[in-house]
N, C-alpha and C. Protein backbone atom coordinates (compact mmCIF):
# COMPACT_ATOMS: atom_id res chain seq x y z
N MET A 1 1.50 -0.74 -0.37
CA MET A 1 -0.02 0.19 0.53
C MET A 1 0.79 1.86 0.20
N TYR A 2 1.62 1.17 0.82
CA TYR A 2 2.50 2.61 0.82
C TYR A 2 3.96 2.66 -0.34
N GLY A 3 4.01 1.21 -0.57
CA GLY A 3 4.90 1.13 -1.73
C GLY A 3 4.49 2.19 -3.08
N ASP A 4 3.66 1.45 -3.28
CA ASP A 4 3.16 2.47 -4.56
C ASP A 4 2.63 4.20 -4.36
N HIS A 5 1.99 3.99 -3.62
CA HIS A 5 1.93 5.91 -2.76
C HIS A 5 2.77 6.55 -3.03
N PHE A 6 4.48 5.82 -2.52
CA PHE A 6 5.72 6.76 -2.41
C PHE A 6 6.33 6.63 -4.07
N SER A 7 5.92 5.72 -4.63
CA SER A 7 6.07 6.03 -6.31
C SER A 7 6.08 6.45 -7.02
N TRP A 8 4.31 6.73 -6.92
CA TRP A 8 3.80 7.92 -7.56
C TRP A 8 4.32 9.57 -6.86
N MET A 9 4.07 8.99 -6.04
CA MET A 9 4.80 10.90 -5.44
C MET A 9 6.30 11.24 -6.25
N GLY A 10 7.17 10.20 -6.33
CA GLY A 10 8.44 10.37 -6.26
C GLY A 10 8.26 10.68 -7.89
N MET A 11 7.72 10.33 -8.92
CA MET A 11 7.57 10.33 -10.33
C MET A 11 7.07 11.58 -10.44
N GLY A 12 5.77 12.02 -9.38
CA GLY A 12 5.23 14.18 -9.89
C GLY A 12 6.70 14.42 -9.60
N MET A 13 7.48 13.95 -8.45
CA MET A 13 8.39 14.61 -8.41
C MET A 13 9.56 15.41 -8.99
N GLY A 14 10.02 14.06 -9.65
CA GLY A 14 10.95 13.94 -11.09
C GLY A 14 10.06 14.96 -12.17
N MET A 15 8.76 14.46 -12.42
CA MET A 15 8.52 15.37 -13.48
C MET A 15 8.45 16.61 -13.35
N GLY A 16 8.66 17.43 -11.95
CA GLY A 16 8.11 18.28 -11.82
C GLY A 16 9.63 18.89 -11.51
N MET A 17 10.70 18.41 -11.53
CA MET A 17 12.08 19.03 -11.82
C MET A 17 12.18 18.83 -13.20
N TRP A 18 11.70 18.22 -14.16
CA TRP A 18 11.84 18.43 -15.58
C TRP A 18 11.48 19.83 -16.31
N LEU A 19 10.02 19.67 -15.78
CA LEU A 19 9.03 21.02 -15.77
C LEU A 19 10.22 22.17 -15.29
N PHE A 20 10.40 22.00 -13.91
CA PHE A 20 11.29 23.19 -13.33
C PHE A 20 12.00 24.21 -14.39
N TRP A 21 13.03 22.49 -14.70
CA TRP A 21 14.61 22.85 -15.35
C TRP A 21 14.45 23.48 -16.89
N ILE A 22 13.47 22.99 -17.42
CA ILE A 22 13.12 23.55 -19.15
C ILE A 22 12.34 24.68 -19.40
N VAL A 23 11.59 25.02 -17.81
CA VAL A 23 10.62 26.16 -17.88
C VAL A 23 11.80 27.82 -17.78
N LEU A 24 13.00 27.00 -16.71
CA LEU A 24 14.16 27.54 -16.32
C LEU A 24 14.67 27.99 -17.91
N LEU A 25 15.57 27.39 -18.76
CA LEU A 25 16.12 27.53 -19.65
C LEU A 25 15.45 28.22 -21.02
N VAL A 26 13.81 27.64 -20.78
CA VAL A 26 13.46 28.73 -22.24
C VAL A 26 13.56 30.09 -21.49
N ILE A 27 13.43 30.92 -20.16
CA ILE A 27 12.99 31.87 -19.95
C ILE A 27 14.71 32.47 -20.38
N ILE A 28 15.90 31.77 -19.66
CA ILE A 28 17.28 32.05 -20.02
C ILE A 28 17.32 32.33 -21.25
N ILE A 29 16.99 31.34 -22.57
CA ILE A 29 17.01 31.80 -23.27
C ILE A 29 16.22 33.40 -24.43
N VAL A 30 15.64 33.27 -23.74
CA VAL A 30 14.33 34.04 -24.15
C VAL A 30 15.13 35.46 -23.75
N ILE A 31 15.54 35.37 -22.99
CA ILE A 31 16.31 36.55 -22.15
C ILE A 31 17.37 37.21 -23.17
N VAL A 32 18.54 36.29 -23.43
CA VAL A 32 19.74 35.98 -24.14
C VAL A 32 19.55 36.62 -25.64
N LYS A 33 18.15 36.23 -26.05
CA LYS A 33 17.96 36.87 -27.39
C LYS A 33 17.22 38.00 -27.42
N ALA A 34 16.92 38.48 -26.12
CA ALA A 34 15.87 40.03 -26.08
C ALA A 34 17.71 40.94 -26.27
N VAL A 35 18.67 40.49 -25.51
CA VAL A 35 19.45 41.23 -24.95
C VAL A 35 20.43 41.61 -26.22
N THR A 36 20.55 40.31 -27.22
CA THR A 36 21.60 40.00 -28.41
C THR A 36 20.53 41.49 -29.10
N ALA A 37 19.87 40.97 -29.18
CA ALA A 37 18.60 41.54 -30.33
C ALA A 37 19.07 43.38 -30.54
N ASN A 38 18.84 43.97 -29.10
CA ASN A 38 19.07 44.71 -28.46
C ASN A 38 20.41 45.47 -29.42
N ALA A 39 21.02 44.92 -28.58
CA ALA A 39 22.61 44.77 -29.11
C ALA A 39 23.32 45.69 -30.18
N THR A 40 22.63 44.39 -31.75
CA THR A 40 22.91 44.62 -32.09
C THR A 40 22.59 45.36 -33.75
N VAL A 41 21.34 46.40 -33.06
CA VAL A 41 20.61 46.87 -33.78
C VAL A 41 21.73 48.69 -33.32
N SER A 42 22.19 49.01 -34.53
CA SER A 42 23.10 50.15 -34.69
C SER A 42 21.78 51.54 -35.49
N PRO A 43 22.88 52.39 -34.62
CA PRO A 43 22.04 53.97 -35.03
C PRO A 43 21.80 54.46 -36.91
N PRO A 44 21.08 54.92 -37.13
CA PRO A 44 21.24 55.12 -38.83
C PRO A 44 22.34 55.78 -38.69
N LYS A 45 23.22 55.71 -40.50
CA LYS A 45 24.23 56.50 -40.09
C LYS A 45 23.80 57.81 -41.20
N GLU A 46 24.43 59.11 -40.81
CA GLU A 46 24.48 60.30 -41.55
C GLU A 46 24.64 60.02 -43.01
N GLU A 47 24.37 60.79 -43.42
CA GLU A 47 24.60 60.95 -45.53
C GLU A 47 25.63 62.17 -44.99
N PRO A 48 27.04 61.90 -45.77
CA PRO A 48 28.15 62.98 -45.67
C PRO A 48 28.04 64.13 -45.53
N MET A 49 26.63 64.57 -46.30
CA MET A 49 26.20 65.72 -46.97
C MET A 49 25.60 66.39 -45.40
N GLU A 50 24.84 65.48 -44.75
CA GLU A 50 24.09 66.12 -43.07
C GLU A 50 25.43 66.58 -41.77
N ILE A 51 26.45 64.99 -42.45
CA ILE A 51 27.50 65.46 -41.66
C ILE A 51 28.37 67.56 -42.01
N LEU A 52 28.61 67.41 -43.24
CA LEU A 52 29.12 68.48 -43.98
C LEU A 52 28.57 69.54 -42.72
N LYS A 53 27.16 69.99 -43.04
CA LYS A 53 25.75 70.63 -42.64
C LYS A 53 26.41 71.17 -41.65
N SER A 54 26.34 69.40 -40.38
CA SER A 54 25.95 69.72 -39.12
C SER A 54 27.44 70.58 -38.90
N ARG A 55 28.87 70.42 -39.44
CA ARG A 55 29.94 71.44 -38.86
C ARG A 55 29.85 72.26 -39.22
N TYR A 56 29.32 72.36 -40.42
CA TYR A 56 29.55 74.21 -40.88
C TYR A 56 28.30 74.28 -40.11
N ALA A 57 26.89 74.69 -39.44
CA ALA A 57 26.35 74.88 -38.68
C ALA A 57 27.15 75.07 -36.88
N ARG A 58 27.68 74.50 -36.63
CA ARG A 58 28.39 74.46 -35.96
C ARG A 58 29.54 75.22 -34.96
N GLY A 59 29.85 75.81 -36.47
CA GLY A 59 30.77 76.64 -36.86
C GLY A 59 32.27 76.19 -36.29
N ASP A 60 32.82 74.96 -37.24
CA ASP A 60 33.62 73.41 -36.91
C ASP A 60 34.64 73.95 -38.19
N ILE A 61 33.56 74.26 -39.45
CA ILE A 61 34.25 74.74 -40.92
C ILE A 61 33.81 76.22 -41.26
N ASP A 62 34.84 76.44 -41.51
CA ASP A 62 34.58 78.04 -42.57
C ASP A 62 33.43 78.14 -44.10
N ASP A 63 33.01 79.27 -44.15
CA ASP A 63 31.87 79.42 -45.77
C ASP A 63 32.81 78.58 -46.43
N GLU A 64 34.47 79.07 -47.48
CA GLU A 64 34.79 78.16 -47.96
C GLU A 64 35.34 77.30 -48.07
N GLU A 65 35.72 76.04 -46.94
CA GLU A 65 36.14 74.63 -46.63
C GLU A 65 34.65 74.28 -46.93
N PHE A 66 32.91 74.48 -46.77
CA PHE A 66 31.73 74.48 -46.54
C PHE A 66 31.72 73.84 -48.27
N GLN A 67 32.04 75.32 -48.80
CA GLN A 67 31.65 74.82 -50.74
C GLN A 67 32.29 74.30 -51.04
N ARG A 68 33.85 73.71 -50.39
CA ARG A 68 35.20 73.30 -51.58
C ARG A 68 34.61 71.73 -51.28
N ARG A 69 34.56 71.42 -49.58
CA ARG A 69 33.81 69.96 -49.61
C ARG A 69 32.38 69.49 -49.93
N LYS A 70 32.04 70.84 -50.09
CA LYS A 70 30.46 70.72 -50.57
C LYS A 70 29.89 70.18 -52.29
N SER A 71 30.75 70.85 -53.01
CA SER A 71 31.03 70.64 -54.29
C SER A 71 32.28 69.01 -54.76
N GLU A 72 33.00 68.95 -53.63
CA GLU A 72 33.80 67.37 -54.13
C GLU A 72 32.08 66.37 -53.97
N LEU A 73 31.82 66.90 -52.46
CA LEU A 73 30.67 65.26 -52.92
C LEU A 73 29.59 65.68 -53.23
N GLU A 74 29.29 66.80 -54.71
CA GLU A 74 28.06 66.72 -55.64
C GLU A 74 28.63 66.13 -57.14
N LYS A 75 30.03 65.76 -56.22
CA LYS A 75 30.44 64.99 -57.43
C LYS A 75 29.98 63.76 -58.59
């Protein structure tokens, strides 16, 4: 009588442990995929003309340098 009761209990606990480890593994995989997906997204690249305009607006280059580089980019 007691032998059957304990064998079923042991089997249930064993299945519960398997279920626990499977759920834990799935959660870890989901977290790793979410982190790596966000890490690989790069910001959009600025076009060379936009960079040149930004530098001119900030005062990094003068009008002559801006016109020279602009004509080179338009070629």
